[in-house]
């Protein structure tokens, strides 16, 4: 389970976040490209835009559920 104490600083403030367990598998970026992006130098994903629509929220939830290392959390700062 993702730990907000270990969340990357790159994450935009809000409900969803990625922590330091990310293995850069690309699943979240493929699932919700409007919300996740890659930090090129560090080789990990992060949330660059919190979901603004029900569709975006559903795709972020799908990415969270599909993350192979459970690096995506949904209890960040509201």
N, C-alpha and C. Protein backbone atom coordinates (compact mmCIF):
# COMPACT_ATOMS: atom_id res chain seq x y z
N UNK A 1 0.84 -1.18 0.00
CA UNK A 1 0.00 0.00 0.00
C UNK A 1 0.88 1.25 0.00
N UNK A 2 0.54 2.20 -0.83
CA UNK A 2 1.31 3.45 -0.92
C UNK A 2 1.27 4.20 0.41
N UNK A 3 2.40 4.83 0.72
CA UNK A 3 2.54 5.55 1.99
C UNK A 3 2.75 7.04 1.69
N UNK A 4 1.81 7.85 2.17
CA UNK A 4 1.92 9.28 1.85
C UNK A 4 3.15 9.93 2.48
N UNK A 5 3.72 9.29 3.49
CA UNK A 5 4.97 9.79 4.07
C UNK A 5 6.14 9.64 3.09
N UNK A 6 6.00 8.71 2.13
CA UNK A 6 7.05 8.44 1.15
C UNK A 6 6.68 8.91 -0.25
N UNK A 7 5.68 9.78 -0.34
CA UNK A 7 5.23 10.27 -1.64
C UNK A 7 6.30 11.16 -2.25
N UNK A 8 6.38 11.11 -3.57
CA UNK A 8 7.32 11.98 -4.28
C UNK A 8 6.84 13.42 -4.18
N UNK A 9 7.79 14.32 -4.03
CA UNK A 9 7.48 15.75 -3.93
C UNK A 9 6.91 16.28 -5.25
N UNK A 10 7.17 15.59 -6.35
CA UNK A 10 6.68 16.02 -7.66
C UNK A 10 5.16 15.95 -7.76
N UNK A 11 4.52 15.08 -6.96
CA UNK A 11 3.07 14.93 -7.02
C UNK A 11 2.40 16.27 -6.76
N UNK A 12 1.40 16.57 -7.56
CA UNK A 12 0.62 17.77 -7.30
C UNK A 12 -0.26 17.49 -6.08
N UNK A 13 -0.49 18.49 -5.29
CA UNK A 13 -1.26 18.34 -4.06
C UNK A 13 -2.67 17.85 -4.37
N UNK A 14 -3.13 16.90 -3.59
CA UNK A 14 -4.47 16.38 -3.78
C UNK A 14 -4.59 14.93 -3.34
N UNK A 15 -5.69 14.33 -3.70
CA UNK A 15 -6.05 13.00 -3.24
C UNK A 15 -5.09 11.90 -3.71
N UNK A 16 -4.75 11.88 -4.98
CA UNK A 16 -3.90 10.81 -5.53
C UNK A 16 -2.43 11.20 -5.47
N UNK A 17 -1.57 10.19 -5.27
CA UNK A 17 -0.12 10.41 -5.24
C UNK A 17 0.60 9.11 -5.59
N UNK A 18 1.88 9.23 -5.91
CA UNK A 18 2.75 8.08 -6.14
C UNK A 18 3.87 8.17 -5.12
N UNK A 19 4.21 7.00 -4.53
CA UNK A 19 5.29 7.01 -3.54
C UNK A 19 6.56 6.38 -4.12
N UNK A 20 7.58 6.25 -3.28
CA UNK A 20 8.90 5.82 -3.73
C UNK A 20 9.01 4.33 -4.05
N UNK A 21 7.90 3.61 -4.06
CA UNK A 21 7.92 2.20 -4.46
C UNK A 21 7.75 2.03 -5.98
N UNK A 22 7.50 3.13 -6.68
CA UNK A 22 7.26 3.09 -8.13
C UNK A 22 8.44 2.44 -8.86
N UNK A 23 8.12 1.52 -9.78
CA UNK A 23 9.15 0.84 -10.57
C UNK A 23 9.15 1.31 -12.03
N UNK A 24 8.43 2.38 -12.32
CA UNK A 24 8.42 2.99 -13.65
C UNK A 24 7.92 2.02 -14.72
N UNK A 25 6.85 1.29 -14.41
CA UNK A 25 6.33 0.28 -15.34
C UNK A 25 5.47 0.88 -16.45
N UNK A 26 5.01 2.10 -16.30
CA UNK A 26 4.24 2.83 -17.31
C UNK A 26 2.74 2.55 -17.27
N UNK A 27 2.27 1.65 -16.42
CA UNK A 27 0.85 1.31 -16.39
C UNK A 27 -0.02 2.53 -16.08
N UNK A 28 0.34 3.31 -15.08
CA UNK A 28 -0.49 4.46 -14.72
C UNK A 28 -0.50 5.51 -15.83
N UNK A 29 0.63 5.70 -16.47
CA UNK A 29 0.72 6.69 -17.55
C UNK A 29 -0.10 6.26 -18.76
N UNK A 30 -0.17 4.96 -19.01
CA UNK A 30 -0.99 4.45 -20.10
C UNK A 30 -2.48 4.50 -19.75
N UNK A 31 -2.80 4.22 -18.49
CA UNK A 31 -4.19 4.17 -18.05
C UNK A 31 -4.79 5.56 -17.90
N UNK A 32 -4.05 6.47 -17.29
CA UNK A 32 -4.56 7.82 -17.02
C UNK A 32 -3.52 8.86 -17.44
N UNK A 33 -3.28 8.99 -18.76
CA UNK A 33 -2.24 9.90 -19.23
C UNK A 33 -2.49 11.37 -18.95
N UNK A 34 -3.73 11.73 -18.66
CA UNK A 34 -4.02 13.13 -18.34
C UNK A 34 -3.66 13.47 -16.90
N UNK A 35 -3.29 12.46 -16.12
CA UNK A 35 -3.04 12.70 -14.69
C UNK A 35 -1.65 12.25 -14.22
N UNK A 36 -1.08 11.25 -14.88
CA UNK A 36 0.23 10.74 -14.49
C UNK A 36 1.25 11.06 -15.57
N UNK A 37 2.46 11.34 -15.16
CA UNK A 37 3.57 11.56 -16.10
C UNK A 37 4.83 10.96 -15.51
N UNK A 38 5.91 11.02 -16.28
CA UNK A 38 7.17 10.41 -15.85
C UNK A 38 8.16 11.49 -15.45
N UNK A 39 8.86 11.23 -14.37
CA UNK A 39 9.97 12.07 -13.96
C UNK A 39 11.19 11.46 -14.64
N UNK A 40 11.67 12.10 -15.68
CA UNK A 40 12.71 11.52 -16.53
C UNK A 40 14.01 11.24 -15.79
N UNK A 41 14.48 12.18 -14.99
CA UNK A 41 15.76 12.00 -14.31
C UNK A 41 15.70 10.90 -13.25
N UNK A 42 14.59 10.82 -12.54
CA UNK A 42 14.47 9.85 -11.46
C UNK A 42 13.92 8.50 -11.90
N UNK A 43 13.27 8.46 -13.08
CA UNK A 43 12.74 7.20 -13.58
C UNK A 43 11.56 6.68 -12.78
N UNK A 44 10.58 7.55 -12.53
CA UNK A 44 9.37 7.15 -11.82
C UNK A 44 8.20 8.00 -12.29
N UNK A 45 7.01 7.54 -11.97
CA UNK A 45 5.80 8.28 -12.32
C UNK A 45 5.35 9.12 -11.14
N UNK A 46 4.55 10.14 -11.43
CA UNK A 46 3.93 10.95 -10.38
C UNK A 46 2.66 11.58 -10.93
N UNK A 47 1.84 12.07 -10.03
CA UNK A 47 0.58 12.71 -10.41
C UNK A 47 0.89 14.18 -10.70
N UNK A 48 0.73 14.58 -11.97
CA UNK A 48 1.00 15.98 -12.30
C UNK A 48 -0.28 16.80 -12.36
N UNK A 49 -1.44 16.10 -12.40
CA UNK A 49 -2.73 16.81 -12.38
C UNK A 49 -3.75 15.91 -11.69
N UNK A 50 -4.36 16.43 -10.65
CA UNK A 50 -5.42 15.67 -9.97
C UNK A 50 -6.63 15.56 -10.90
N UNK A 51 -7.39 14.47 -10.79
CA UNK A 51 -8.56 14.31 -11.65
C UNK A 51 -9.59 15.41 -11.43
N UNK A 52 -10.17 15.87 -12.53
CA UNK A 52 -11.16 16.95 -12.48
C UNK A 52 -12.54 16.48 -12.91
N UNK A 53 -12.62 15.31 -13.52
CA UNK A 53 -13.90 14.78 -13.97
C UNK A 53 -14.10 13.38 -13.41
N UNK A 54 -15.31 12.89 -13.49
CA UNK A 54 -15.60 11.52 -13.04
C UNK A 54 -14.79 10.51 -13.86
N UNK A 55 -14.65 10.78 -15.14
CA UNK A 55 -13.89 9.87 -16.00
C UNK A 55 -12.42 9.83 -15.58
N UNK A 56 -11.82 10.99 -15.35
CA UNK A 56 -10.43 11.03 -14.90
C UNK A 56 -10.28 10.33 -13.55
N UNK A 57 -11.22 10.56 -12.67
CA UNK A 57 -11.17 9.93 -11.34
C UNK A 57 -11.23 8.41 -11.47
N UNK A 58 -12.11 7.92 -12.35
CA UNK A 58 -12.25 6.48 -12.57
C UNK A 58 -10.95 5.89 -13.15
N UNK A 59 -10.31 6.62 -14.06
CA UNK A 59 -9.06 6.14 -14.63
C UNK A 59 -7.93 6.14 -13.60
N UNK A 60 -7.91 7.11 -12.71
CA UNK A 60 -6.91 7.13 -11.64
C UNK A 60 -7.14 5.96 -10.68
N UNK A 61 -8.39 5.66 -10.38
CA UNK A 61 -8.72 4.50 -9.54
C UNK A 61 -8.26 3.21 -10.22
N UNK A 62 -8.49 3.13 -11.54
CA UNK A 62 -8.07 1.94 -12.29
C UNK A 62 -6.55 1.79 -12.24
N UNK A 63 -5.83 2.90 -12.39
CA UNK A 63 -4.37 2.86 -12.31
C UNK A 63 -3.93 2.42 -10.92
N UNK A 64 -4.58 2.94 -9.89
CA UNK A 64 -4.26 2.58 -8.51
C UNK A 64 -4.45 1.07 -8.31
N UNK A 65 -5.57 0.54 -8.76
CA UNK A 65 -5.87 -0.87 -8.58
C UNK A 65 -4.94 -1.77 -9.39
N UNK A 66 -4.45 -1.27 -10.53
CA UNK A 66 -3.60 -2.08 -11.38
C UNK A 66 -2.12 -1.98 -11.08
N UNK A 67 -1.72 -1.02 -10.26
CA UNK A 67 -0.30 -0.82 -9.97
C UNK A 67 0.30 -2.10 -9.37
N UNK A 68 1.33 -2.68 -10.03
CA UNK A 68 1.87 -3.95 -9.57
C UNK A 68 2.61 -3.90 -8.23
N UNK A 69 3.03 -2.71 -7.82
CA UNK A 69 3.76 -2.59 -6.55
C UNK A 69 3.02 -1.71 -5.53
N UNK A 70 1.76 -1.38 -5.84
CA UNK A 70 0.93 -0.57 -4.95
C UNK A 70 1.59 0.75 -4.56
N UNK A 71 2.17 1.42 -5.57
CA UNK A 71 2.86 2.69 -5.34
C UNK A 71 1.92 3.90 -5.45
N UNK A 72 0.68 3.67 -5.87
CA UNK A 72 -0.27 4.77 -6.02
C UNK A 72 -1.19 4.77 -4.82
N UNK A 73 -1.34 5.95 -4.22
CA UNK A 73 -2.21 6.10 -3.07
C UNK A 73 -3.36 7.04 -3.36
N UNK A 74 -4.40 6.93 -2.56
CA UNK A 74 -5.56 7.81 -2.76
C UNK A 74 -5.96 8.52 -1.48
N UNK A 75 -5.01 8.72 -0.61
CA UNK A 75 -5.32 9.43 0.64
C UNK A 75 -4.35 10.58 0.88
N UNK A 76 -3.97 11.22 -0.21
CA UNK A 76 -3.10 12.38 -0.09
C UNK A 76 -3.87 13.55 0.48
N UNK A 77 -3.26 14.69 0.46
CA UNK A 77 -3.91 15.89 0.97
C UNK A 77 -5.10 16.27 0.07
N UNK A 78 -6.23 16.45 0.68
CA UNK A 78 -7.42 16.81 -0.09
C UNK A 78 -7.35 18.24 -0.54
